[in-house]
Amino acid sequence: MFGQFQEIYELAKPFLDTRNNDIHMKVSYAFCNKLLETEGGVQSVAKPAIILHDVGWKMVPEELQLKAFGPIDYDRTINRIHEVEGARIAREILEQLGWDAVVIDEIAEIILGHDSRKTPLSTSDAVVKDADKLWRYSSEALVIDCERFGIDPAIHVEWLGKQIDGWFITDTGVKLAREELQSRFTSLPVQKNTSNQT
């Protein structure tokens, strides 16, 4: 799945066994590939960054994790820990693999602000941010998020529709989010009117 970046994934894997991050990362990686095709960006920056972007959650106690992300107002101080720790762990992994220091700096900087920084530093950063958010629109995320937050799927899908214009940076990100949203509406037991979502 990860091609030339398989070694990065293998070293990241022990850090991804919390918060369903292994599933989240793989779905986000697939979206990252689609975004790179249409939006550009540097593959050797964006792909390692999306593989490594959430490794820092391993450093956040599991009992605190649900307070640090999600559709409700969350604790940004706890959330920030996963960015800082993620950037540190990513550096260690990439240095272990002998990556160029300049590229490591760029990847670490993307990870350091992938949730908290609203303005992207580069096209690669924008791709990572949108790929990360697109996860929430996937069928996998709908099941996982509704279960862990105790949310009705229909309500959650409607809420996701309202986030598109504020969340996504790239045109492709918006397009993919709307396509995924339409698929989620279609899969709900009761059809919803999506005319105000597109």
Foldseek 3Di string as FASTA:
>chain_A
DLVPCVLLLVLLVVLQPAPVNVVLLVQLLVLLVVCCVPQNDDCLQLNSLSSQLQSLCSVQPNVQVVQADDDDDHDVVSVLSRLQSSLVSSLVSCVVVPDDPVSSVSSSVLSNPLPPDQDAPDSSSLSSNLSSLLSCLAPVNLVSRCVVVVHDSVVSLVVLLVCLVVRHDDPVSSVSSVVSSVVSQVPDPDHDDCPVSD
